[in-house]
PDB file of N, CA and C in Angstrom:
ATOM      1  N   UNK A   1     102.381 117.740 125.862  1.00  0.00           N
ATOM      2  CA  UNK A   1     102.657 119.086 125.894  1.00  0.00           C
ATOM      3  C   UNK A   1     101.574 120.090 126.546  1.00  0.00           C
ATOM      4  N   UNK A   2     101.900 120.862 127.270  1.00  0.00           N
ATOM      5  CA  UNK A   2     100.793 121.765 127.824  1.00  0.00           C
ATOM      6  C   UNK A   2     100.799 123.187 127.261  1.00  0.00           C
ATOM      7  N   UNK A   3     101.588 124.155 127.980  1.00  0.00           N
ATOM      8  CA  UNK A   3     101.721 125.549 127.317  1.00  0.00           C
ATOM      9  C   UNK A   3     102.538 125.445 126.214  1.00  0.00           C
ATOM     10  N   UNK A   4     102.220 126.332 125.183  1.00  0.00           N
ATOM     11  CA  UNK A   4     103.075 126.535 124.092  1.00  0.00           C
ATOM     12  C   UNK A   4     103.152 127.972 123.740  1.00  0.00           C
ATOM     13  N   UNK A   5     104.391 128.385 123.153  1.00  0.00           N
ATOM     14  CA  UNK A   5     104.647 129.769 122.686  1.00  0.00           C
ATOM     15  C   UNK A   5     104.288 129.922 121.265  1.00  0.00           C
ATOM     16  N   UNK A   6     104.213 131.027 120.600  1.00  0.00           N
ATOM     17  CA  UNK A   6     103.762 131.398 119.458  1.00  0.00           C
ATOM     18  C   UNK A   6     104.176 130.505 118.147  1.00  0.00           C
ATOM     19  N   UNK A   7     105.554 129.818 118.637  1.00  0.00           N
ATOM     20  CA  UNK A   7     105.927 128.948 117.640  1.00  0.00           C
ATOM     21  C   UNK A   7     105.407 127.587 117.816  1.00  0.00           C
ATOM     22  N   UNK A   8     104.472 127.361 118.881  1.00  0.00           N
ATOM     23  CA  UNK A   8     104.015 126.030 119.202  1.00  0.00           C
ATOM     24  C   UNK A   8     104.979 125.205 120.115  1.00  0.00           C
ATOM     25  N   UNK A   9     105.856 125.765 120.631  1.00  0.00           N
ATOM     26  CA  UNK A   9     106.791 124.948 121.503  1.00  0.00           C
ATOM     27  C   UNK A   9     106.627 125.261 123.018  1.00  0.00           C
ATOM     28  N   UNK A  10     106.826 124.137 123.773  1.00  0.00           N
ATOM     29  CA  UNK A  10     106.529 124.150 125.254  1.00  0.00           C
ATOM     30  C   UNK A  10     107.738 125.129 125.693  1.00  0.00           C
ATOM     31  N   UNK A  11     107.498 125.788 126.798  1.00  0.00           N
ATOM     32  CA  UNK A  11     108.588 126.626 127.067  1.00  0.00           C
ATOM     33  C   UNK A  11     109.922 125.827 127.552  1.00  0.00           C
ATOM     34  N   UNK A  12     111.123 126.276 127.341  1.00  0.00           N
ATOM     35  CA  UNK A  12     112.250 125.814 127.528  1.00  0.00           C
ATOM     36  C   UNK A  12     112.612 124.737 126.276  1.00  0.00           C
ATOM     37  N   UNK A  13     111.807 124.622 125.300  1.00  0.00           N
ATOM     38  CA  UNK A  13     111.980 123.681 124.017  1.00  0.00           C
ATOM     39  C   UNK A  13     112.583 124.725 123.095  1.00  0.00           C
ATOM     40  N   UNK A  14     113.361 123.938 122.143  1.00  0.00           N
ATOM     41  CA  UNK A  14     113.833 124.679 120.863  1.00  0.00           C
ATOM     42  C   UNK A  14     113.383 123.697 119.684  1.00  0.00           C
ATOM     43  N   UNK A  15     113.696 124.419 118.470  1.00  0.00           N
ATOM     44  CA  UNK A  15     113.371 123.586 117.466  1.00  0.00           C
ATOM     45  C   UNK A  15     114.521 123.996 116.452  1.00  0.00           C
ATOM     46  N   UNK A  16     114.817 122.800 115.487  1.00  0.00           N
ATOM     47  CA  UNK A  16     115.679 122.926 114.517  1.00  0.00           C
ATOM     48  C   UNK A  16     115.439 122.201 113.366  1.00  0.00           C
ATOM     49  N   UNK A  17     116.122 122.576 112.142  1.00  0.00           N
ATOM     50  CA  UNK A  17     116.188 121.937 111.002  1.00  0.00           C
ATOM     51  C   UNK A  17     117.507 121.758 110.459  1.00  0.00           C
ATOM     52  N   UNK A  18     117.980 120.521 110.266  1.00  0.00           N
ATOM     53  CA  UNK A  18     119.338 120.266 110.022  1.00  0.00           C
ATOM     54  C   UNK A  18     119.534 119.578 108.718  1.00  0.00           C
ATOM     55  N   UNK A  19     120.467 119.979 108.013  1.00  0.00           N
ATOM     56  CA  UNK A  19     120.779 119.127 106.674  1.00  0.00           C
ATOM     57  C   UNK A  19     122.214 118.518 106.782  1.00  0.00           C
ATOM     58  N   UNK A  20     122.258 117.307 106.790  1.00  0.00           N
ATOM     59  CA  UNK A  20     123.388 116.752 107.023  1.00  0.00           C
ATOM     60  C   UNK A  20     124.045 116.224 105.755  1.00  0.00           C
ATOM     61  N   UNK A  21     125.294 116.401 105.726  1.00  0.00           N
ATOM     62  CA  UNK A  21     125.928 116.002 104.531  1.00  0.00           C
ATOM     63  C   UNK A  21     127.240 115.049 104.715  1.00  0.00           C
ATOM     64  N   UNK A  22     127.571 114.025 103.827  1.00  0.00           N
ATOM     65  CA  UNK A  22     128.529 113.095 104.097  1.00  0.00           C
ATOM     66  C   UNK A  22     128.083 111.802 103.748  1.00  0.00           C
ATOM     67  N   UNK A  23     128.727 110.780 104.185  1.00  0.00           N
ATOM     68  CA  UNK A  23     128.396 109.421 103.925  1.00  0.00           C
ATOM     69  C   UNK A  23     127.357 108.846 104.935  1.00  0.00           C
ATOM     70  N   UNK A  24     126.133 109.448 104.618  1.00  0.00           N
ATOM     71  CA  UNK A  24     125.117 109.334 105.606  1.00  0.00           C
ATOM     72  C   UNK A  24     123.663 108.432 105.227  1.00  0.00           C
ATOM     73  N   UNK A  25     124.010 107.901 103.842  1.00  0.00           N
ATOM     74  CA  UNK A  25     122.882 107.105 103.458  1.00  0.00           C
ATOM     75  C   UNK A  25     123.597 105.514 103.387  1.00  0.00           C
ATOM     76  N   UNK A  26     122.567 104.392 103.485  1.00  0.00           N
ATOM     77  CA  UNK A  26     123.210 103.213 103.491  1.00  0.00           C
ATOM     78  C   UNK A  26     123.757 102.740 104.806  1.00  0.00           C
ATOM     79  N   UNK A  27     123.795 103.509 105.661  1.00  0.00           N
ATOM     80  CA  UNK A  27     124.754 103.295 106.830  1.00  0.00           C
ATOM     81  C   UNK A  27     123.898 103.136 108.331  1.00  0.00           C
ATOM     82  N   UNK A  28     122.621 103.157 108.042  1.00  0.00           N
ATOM     83  CA  UNK A  28     121.684 103.233 109.388  1.00  0.00           C
ATOM     84  C   UNK A  28     121.687 104.466 110.177  1.00  0.00           C
ATOM     85  N   UNK A  29     121.965 105.637 109.374  1.00  0.00           N
ATOM     86  CA  UNK A  29     122.220 106.937 109.894  1.00  0.00           C
ATOM     87  C   UNK A  29     120.736 107.337 110.409  1.00  0.00           C
ATOM     88  N   UNK A  30     119.794 107.102 109.699  1.00  0.00           N
ATOM     89  CA  UNK A  30     118.311 107.561 109.979  1.00  0.00           C
ATOM     90  C   UNK A  30     117.827 106.761 111.334  1.00  0.00           C
ATOM     91  N   UNK A  31     118.177 105.444 111.473  1.00  0.00           N
ATOM     92  CA  UNK A  31     117.898 104.615 112.579  1.00  0.00           C
ATOM     93  C   UNK A  31     118.633 105.262 113.962  1.00  0.00           C
ATOM     94  N   UNK A  32     119.992 105.484 113.598  1.00  0.00           N
ATOM     95  CA  UNK A  32     120.733 106.169 114.658  1.00  0.00           C
ATOM     96  C   UNK A  32     120.188 107.399 115.372  1.00  0.00           C
ATOM     97  N   UNK A  33     119.767 108.188 114.394  1.00  0.00           N
ATOM     98  CA  UNK A  33     119.016 109.602 114.712  1.00  0.00           C
ATOM     99  C   UNK A  33     117.889 109.206 115.288  1.00  0.00           C
ATOM    100  N   UNK A  34     116.771 108.167 114.997  1.00  0.00           N
ATOM    101  CA  UNK A  34     115.737 107.839 115.549  1.00  0.00           C
ATOM    102  C   UNK A  34     115.931 107.417 117.103  1.00  0.00           C
ATOM    103  N   UNK A  35     116.880 106.482 117.200  1.00  0.00           N
ATOM    104  CA  UNK A  35     116.979 105.929 118.698  1.00  0.00           C
ATOM    105  C   UNK A  35     117.541 106.978 119.479  1.00  0.00           C
ATOM    106  N   UNK A  36     118.448 107.913 118.913  1.00  0.00           N
ATOM    107  CA  UNK A  36     119.067 109.088 119.904  1.00  0.00           C
ATOM    108  C   UNK A  36     118.005 109.937 120.241  1.00  0.00           C
ATOM    109  N   UNK A  37     116.985 110.447 119.242  1.00  0.00           N
ATOM    110  CA  UNK A  37     116.001 111.441 119.602  1.00  0.00           C
ATOM    111  C   UNK A  37     114.833 110.738 120.605  1.00  0.00           C
ATOM    112  N   UNK A  38     114.490 109.477 120.364  1.00  0.00           N
ATOM    113  CA  UNK A  38     113.667 108.928 121.458  1.00  0.00           C
ATOM    114  C   UNK A  38     114.200 108.742 122.652  1.00  0.00           C
ATOM    115  N   UNK A  39     115.676 108.532 122.754  1.00  0.00           N
ATOM    116  CA  UNK A  39     116.333 108.551 124.093  1.00  0.00           C
ATOM    117  C   UNK A  39     116.438 109.862 124.757  1.00  0.00           C
ATOM    118  N   UNK A  40     116.557 110.984 123.989  1.00  0.00           N
ATOM    119  CA  UNK A  40     116.581 112.182 124.526  1.00  0.00           C
ATOM    120  C   UNK A  40     115.051 113.034 124.583  1.00  0.00           C
ATOM    121  N   UNK A  41     114.151 112.235 124.422  1.00  0.00           N
ATOM    122  CA  UNK A  41     112.880 113.179 124.504  1.00  0.00           C
ATOM    123  C   UNK A  41     112.655 114.060 123.381  1.00  0.00           C
ATOM    124  N   UNK A  42     113.164 113.909 122.310  1.00  0.00           N
ATOM    125  CA  UNK A  42     113.050 114.961 121.324  1.00  0.00           C
ATOM    126  C   UNK A  42     111.812 114.443 120.147  1.00  0.00           C
ATOM    127  N   UNK A  43     111.343 115.149 119.625  1.00  0.00           N
ATOM    128  CA  UNK A  43     110.179 115.004 118.591  1.00  0.00           C
ATOM    129  C   UNK A  43     110.594 115.515 117.421  1.00  0.00           C
ATOM    130  N   UNK A  44     110.071 114.775 116.236  1.00  0.00           N
ATOM    131  CA  UNK A  44     110.344 115.182 114.855  1.00  0.00           C
ATOM    132  C   UNK A  44     110.380 114.345 113.970  1.00  0.00           C
ATOM    133  N   UNK A  45     111.304 114.470 113.004  1.00  0.00           N
ATOM    134  CA  UNK A  45     111.567 113.340 111.893  1.00  0.00           C
ATOM    135  C   UNK A  45     112.785 113.421 111.006  1.00  0.00           C
ATOM    136  N   UNK A  46     113.010 112.347 110.511  1.00  0.00           N
ATOM    137  CA  UNK A  46     114.446 112.397 109.816  1.00  0.00           C
ATOM    138  C   UNK A  46     114.105 111.535 108.385  1.00  0.00           C
ATOM    139  N   UNK A  47     114.778 111.839 107.326  1.00  0.00           N
ATOM    140  CA  UNK A  47     114.612 111.499 106.006  1.00  0.00           C
ATOM    141  C   UNK A  47     115.829 111.480 105.196  1.00  0.00           C
ATOM    142  N   UNK A  48     115.904 110.611 104.178  1.00  0.00           N
ATOM    143  CA  UNK A  48     117.050 110.668 103.197  1.00  0.00           C
ATOM    144  C   UNK A  48     116.655 111.851 102.203  1.00  0.00           C
ATOM    145  N   UNK A  49     117.656 112.467 101.482  1.00  0.00           N
ATOM    146  CA  UNK A  49     117.291 113.467 100.631  1.00  0.00           C
ATOM    147  C   UNK A  49     117.861 112.953  99.340  1.00  0.00           C
ATOM    148  N   UNK A  50     117.475 113.352  98.096  1.00  0.00           N
ATOM    149  CA  UNK A  50     117.782 113.056  96.790  1.00  0.00           C
ATOM    150  C   UNK A  50     119.146 113.286  96.546  1.00  0.00           C
ATOM    151  N   UNK A  51     119.853 114.298  97.281  1.00  0.00           N
ATOM    152  CA  UNK A  51     121.211 114.702  96.982  1.00  0.00           C
ATOM    153  C   UNK A  51     122.324 113.741  97.911  1.00  0.00           C
ATOM    154  N   UNK A  52     121.868 112.920  98.445  1.00  0.00           N
ATOM    155  CA  UNK A  52     122.652 111.990  99.262  1.00  0.00           C
ATOM    156  C   UNK A  52     122.763 112.314 100.841  1.00  0.00           C
ATOM    157  N   UNK A  53     122.344 113.434 101.087  1.00  0.00           N
ATOM    158  CA  UNK A  53     122.223 113.935 102.322  1.00  0.00           C
ATOM    159  C   UNK A  53     121.079 113.612 103.203  1.00  0.00           C
ATOM    160  N   UNK A  54     120.958 113.822 104.425  1.00  0.00           N
ATOM    161  CA  UNK A  54     119.787 113.631 105.343  1.00  0.00           C
ATOM    162  C   UNK A  54     119.226 114.779 105.900  1.00  0.00           C
ATOM    163  N   UNK A  55     118.023 115.014 106.074  1.00  0.00           N
ATOM    164  CA  UNK A  55     117.176 115.985 106.755  1.00  0.00           C
ATOM    165  C   UNK A  55     116.674 115.496 108.179  1.00  0.00           C
ATOM    166  N   UNK A  56     116.961 116.325 108.967  1.00  0.00           N
ATOM    167  CA  UNK A  56     116.474 116.064 110.372  1.00  0.00           C
ATOM    168  C   UNK A  56     115.718 117.476 110.813  1.00  0.00           C
ATOM    169  N   UNK A  57     114.421 117.237 111.282  1.00  0.00           N
ATOM    170  CA  UNK A  57     113.512 118.187 111.731  1.00  0.00           C
ATOM    171  C   UNK A  57     113.121 118.001 113.335  1.00  0.00           C
ATOM    172  N   UNK A  58     113.451 118.639 113.979  1.00  0.00           N
ATOM    173  CA  UNK A  58     113.262 118.355 115.537  1.00  0.00           C
ATOM    174  C   UNK A  58     112.806 119.525 116.561  1.00  0.00           C
ATOM    175  N   UNK A  59     112.236 119.024 117.355  1.00  0.00           N
ATOM    176  CA  UNK A  59     111.892 120.109 118.538  1.00  0.00           C
ATOM    177  C   UNK A  59     111.824 119.103 119.924  1.00  0.00           C
ATOM    178  N   UNK A  60     112.425 119.963 120.866  1.00  0.00           N
ATOM    179  CA  UNK A  60     112.452 119.298 122.246  1.00  0.00           C
ATOM    180  C   UNK A  60     113.277 120.074 123.314  1.00  0.00           C
ATOM    181  N   UNK A  61     113.340 119.659 124.387  1.00  0.00           N
ATOM    182  CA  UNK A  61     114.292 120.359 125.480  1.00  0.00           C
ATOM    183  C   UNK A  61     115.595 120.679 125.125  1.00  0.00           C
ATOM    184  N   UNK A  62     116.049 121.925 125.504  1.00  0.00           N
ATOM    185  CA  UNK A  62     117.352 122.323 125.178  1.00  0.00           C
ATOM    186  C   UNK A  62     118.514 121.174 125.369  1.00  0.00           C
ATOM    187  N   UNK A  63     118.614 120.493 126.390  1.00  0.00           N
ATOM    188  CA  UNK A  63     119.738 119.692 126.770  1.00  0.00           C
ATOM    189  C   UNK A  63     119.511 118.289 125.737  1.00  0.00           C
ATOM    190  N   UNK A  64     118.272 117.963 125.513  1.00  0.00           N
ATOM    191  CA  UNK A  64     117.912 116.764 124.606  1.00  0.00           C
ATOM    192  C   UNK A  64     118.266 117.167 123.059  1.00  0.00           C
ATOM    193  N   UNK A  65     118.244 118.512 122.849  1.00  0.00           N
ATOM    194  CA  UNK A  65     118.555 118.931 121.547  1.00  0.00           C
ATOM    195  C   UNK A  65     119.929 118.948 121.442  1.00  0.00           C
ATOM    196  N   UNK A  66     120.733 119.217 122.426  1.00  0.00           N
ATOM    197  CA  UNK A  66     122.352 119.291 122.405  1.00  0.00           C
ATOM    198  C   UNK A  66     122.673 117.729 122.183  1.00  0.00           C
ATOM    199  N   UNK A  67     122.152 116.913 123.063  1.00  0.00           N
ATOM    200  CA  UNK A  67     122.603 115.454 122.929  1.00  0.00           C
ATOM    201  C   UNK A  67     122.331 114.931 121.539  1.00  0.00           C
ATOM    202  N   UNK A  68     121.175 115.240 120.810  1.00  0.00           N
ATOM    203  CA  UNK A  68     120.758 114.953 119.579  1.00  0.00           C
ATOM    204  C   UNK A  68     121.751 115.375 118.409  1.00  0.00           C
ATOM    205  N   UNK A  69     122.194 116.684 118.658  1.00  0.00           N
ATOM    206  CA  UNK A  69     123.126 117.159 117.659  1.00  0.00           C
ATOM    207  C   UNK A  69     124.540 116.447 117.942  1.00  0.00           C
ATOM    208  N   UNK A  70     124.600 116.179 118.906  1.00  0.00           N
ATOM    209  CA  UNK A  70     126.078 115.401 119.131  1.00  0.00           C
ATOM    210  C   UNK A  70     126.014 114.091 118.411  1.00  0.00           C
ATOM    211  N   UNK A  71     124.670 113.377 118.599  1.00  0.00           N
ATOM    212  CA  UNK A  71     124.497 112.093 117.987  1.00  0.00           C
ATOM    213  C   UNK A  71     124.618 112.211 116.439  1.00  0.00           C
ATOM    214  N   UNK A  72     123.935 113.374 115.778  1.00  0.00           N
ATOM    215  CA  UNK A  72     123.911 113.522 114.425  1.00  0.00           C
ATOM    216  C   UNK A  72     125.410 113.866 113.935  1.00  0.00           C
ATOM    217  N   UNK A  73     126.094 114.611 114.608  1.00  0.00           N
ATOM    218  CA  UNK A  73     127.499 114.879 114.162  1.00  0.00           C
ATOM    219  C   UNK A  73     128.426 113.509 114.202  1.00  0.00           C
ATOM    220  N   UNK A  74     128.112 112.725 115.006  1.00  0.00           N
ATOM    221  CA  UNK A  74     128.926 111.601 115.280  1.00  0.00           C
ATOM    222  C   UNK A  74     128.522 110.541 114.169  1.00  0.00           C
ATOM    223  N   UNK A  75     127.217 110.094 114.146  1.00  0.00           N
ATOM    224  CA  UNK A  75     126.747 109.238 113.458  1.00  0.00           C
ATOM    225  C   UNK A  75     127.032 107.852 113.792  1.00  0.00           C
ATOM    226  N   UNK A  76     126.400 106.854 112.897  1.00  0.00           N
ATOM    227  CA  UNK A  76     126.742 105.466 113.368  1.00  0.00           C
ATOM    228  C   UNK A  76     128.013 104.969 112.966  1.00  0.00           C
ATOM    229  N   UNK A  77     128.589 103.662 113.315  1.00  0.00           N
ATOM    230  CA  UNK A  77     129.766 103.223 112.587  1.00  0.00           C
ATOM    231  C   UNK A  77     129.426 103.136 111.190  1.00  0.00           C
ATOM    232  N   UNK A  78     130.315 103.447 110.372  1.00  0.00           N
ATOM    233  CA  UNK A  78     130.443 103.399 108.942  1.00  0.00           C
ATOM    234  C   UNK A  78     129.879 104.747 108.354  1.00  0.00           C
ATOM    235  N   UNK A  79     129.336 105.337 109.177  1.00  0.00           N
ATOM    236  CA  UNK A  79     128.944 106.972 108.666  1.00  0.00           C
ATOM    237  C   UNK A  79     130.077 108.013 108.671  1.00  0.00           C
ATOM    238  N   UNK A  80     129.899 108.875 107.863  1.00  0.00           N
ATOM    239  CA  UNK A  80     131.042 110.088 107.844  1.00  0.00           C
ATOM    240  C   UNK A  80     130.177 111.267 107.681  1.00  0.00           C
ATOM    241  N   UNK A  81     130.199 112.088 108.613  1.00  0.00           N
ATOM    242  CA  UNK A  81     129.386 113.380 108.626  1.00  0.00           C
ATOM    243  C   UNK A  81     130.416 114.469 108.243  1.00  0.00           C
ATOM    244  N   UNK A  82     130.318 114.955 107.224  1.00  0.00           N
ATOM    245  CA  UNK A  82     131.097 116.205 106.656  1.00  0.00           C
ATOM    246  C   UNK A  82     130.780 117.305 107.213  1.00  0.00           C
ATOM    247  N   UNK A  83     129.246 117.799 107.322  1.00  0.00           N
ATOM    248  CA  UNK A  83     128.643 118.963 107.706  1.00  0.00           C
ATOM    249  C   UNK A  83     127.347 118.830 108.384  1.00  0.00           C
ATOM    250  N   UNK A  84     126.984 119.627 108.960  1.00  0.00           N
ATOM    251  CA  UNK A  84     125.447 119.839 109.462  1.00  0.00           C
ATOM    252  C   UNK A  84     125.082 121.266 109.519  1.00  0.00           C
ATOM    253  N   UNK A  85     124.278 121.709 108.581  1.00  0.00           N
ATOM    254  CA  UNK A  85     124.012 122.907 108.166  1.00  0.00           C
ATOM    255  C   UNK A  85     122.440 123.247 109.053  1.00  0.00           C
ATOM    256  N   UNK A  86     122.387 124.341 109.811  1.00  0.00           N
ATOM    257  CA  UNK A  86     121.167 124.599 110.325  1.00  0.00           C
ATOM    258  C   UNK A  86     120.441 125.551 109.793  1.00  0.00           C
ATOM    259  N   UNK A  87     119.225 125.073 109.673  1.00  0.00           N
ATOM    260  CA  UNK A  87     118.147 126.071 108.767  1.00  0.00           C
ATOM    261  C   UNK A  87     117.029 126.395 109.958  1.00  0.00           C
ATOM    262  N   UNK A  88     116.142 127.165 109.371  1.00  0.00           N
ATOM    263  CA  UNK A  88     114.898 127.568 110.426  1.00  0.00           C
ATOM    264  C   UNK A  88     113.989 126.304 110.043  1.00  0.00           C
ATOM    265  N   UNK A  89     113.407 126.068 111.093  1.00  0.00           N
ATOM    266  CA  UNK A  89     112.296 124.934 111.060  1.00  0.00           C
ATOM    267  C   UNK A  89     110.855 125.774 110.499  1.00  0.00           C
ATOM    268  N   UNK A  90     110.278 125.017 109.683  1.00  0.00           N
ATOM    269  CA  UNK A  90     108.991 125.565 109.218  1.00  0.00           C
ATOM    270  C   UNK A  90     108.242 125.939 110.357  1.00  0.00           C
ATOM    271  N   UNK A  91     107.379 127.064 110.284  1.00  0.00           N
ATOM    272  CA  UNK A  91     106.401 127.353 111.403  1.00  0.00           C
ATOM    273  C   UNK A  91     105.272 126.433 111.330  1.00  0.00           C
ATOM    274  N   UNK A  92     104.628 126.219 112.378  1.00  0.00           N
ATOM    275  CA  UNK A  92     103.457 125.586 112.487  1.00  0.00           C
ATOM    276  C   UNK A  92     103.413 123.900 112.463  1.00  0.00           C
ATOM    277  N   UNK A  93     104.779 123.557 112.483  1.00  0.00           N
ATOM    278  CA  UNK A  93     104.890 121.888 112.480  1.00  0.00           C
ATOM    279  C   UNK A  93     104.759 121.587 113.796  1.00  0.00           C
ATOM    280  N   UNK A  94     104.328 120.489 114.059  1.00  0.00           N
ATOM    281  CA  UNK A  94     104.102 120.119 115.325  1.00  0.00           C
ATOM    282  C   UNK A  94     104.221 118.521 115.085  1.00  0.00           C
ATOM    283  N   UNK A  95     104.976 117.775 115.992  1.00  0.00           N
ATOM    284  CA  UNK A  95     105.046 116.249 116.139  1.00  0.00           C
ATOM    285  C   UNK A  95     104.728 115.786 117.372  1.00  0.00           C
ATOM    286  N   UNK A  96     104.383 114.638 117.353  1.00  0.00           N
ATOM    287  CA  UNK A  96     103.969 113.697 118.490  1.00  0.00           C
ATOM    288  C   UNK A  96     104.860 112.695 119.048  1.00  0.00           C
ATOM    289  N   UNK A  97     105.745 112.447 118.239  1.00  0.00           N
ATOM    290  CA  UNK A  97     106.757 111.548 118.241  1.00  0.00           C
ATOM    291  C   UNK A  97     108.067 111.722 117.365  1.00  0.00           C
ATOM    292  N   UNK A  98     109.028 110.889 117.380  1.00  0.00           N
ATOM    293  CA  UNK A  98     110.008 111.026 116.332  1.00  0.00           C
ATOM    294  C   UNK A  98     109.892 109.947 115.235  1.00  0.00           C
ATOM    295  N   UNK A  99     109.765 110.041 114.016  1.00  0.00           N
ATOM    296  CA  UNK A  99     109.771 109.087 112.965  1.00  0.00           C
ATOM    297  C   UNK A  99     110.613 109.348 111.851  1.00  0.00           C
ATOM    298  N   UNK A 100     110.798 108.273 111.118  1.00  0.00           N
ATOM    299  CA  UNK A 100     111.744 108.153 109.942  1.00  0.00           C
ATOM    300  C   UNK A 100     110.646 108.416 108.664  1.00  0.00           C
ATOM    301  N   UNK A 101     110.760 109.386 108.007  1.00  0.00           N
ATOM    302  CA  UNK A 101     109.750 109.687 106.760  1.00  0.00           C
ATOM    303  C   UNK A 101     110.404 108.897 105.574  1.00  0.00           C
TER     304      UNK A 101
END
């Protein structure tokens, strides 16, 4: 990354925090998101939540983020995504890659 804006984003990049509900644990969902994020040039992380959902925090180019959202909404075989809630990403977060937490 070179130039950054006041949120720490490269121009043309967006950031997002998604909370995913449904059958998204125990079906390879985090790995599905990890591979999609890396394929689309998105940085961030994904983790299981105690409530049975999954949290995705991501930043990347707009088209990569659109592709990642489509992958999140679809999920891997065996998953069922009931909802994807969009929240504001914490300020000051900076990612070097995409990881599973």
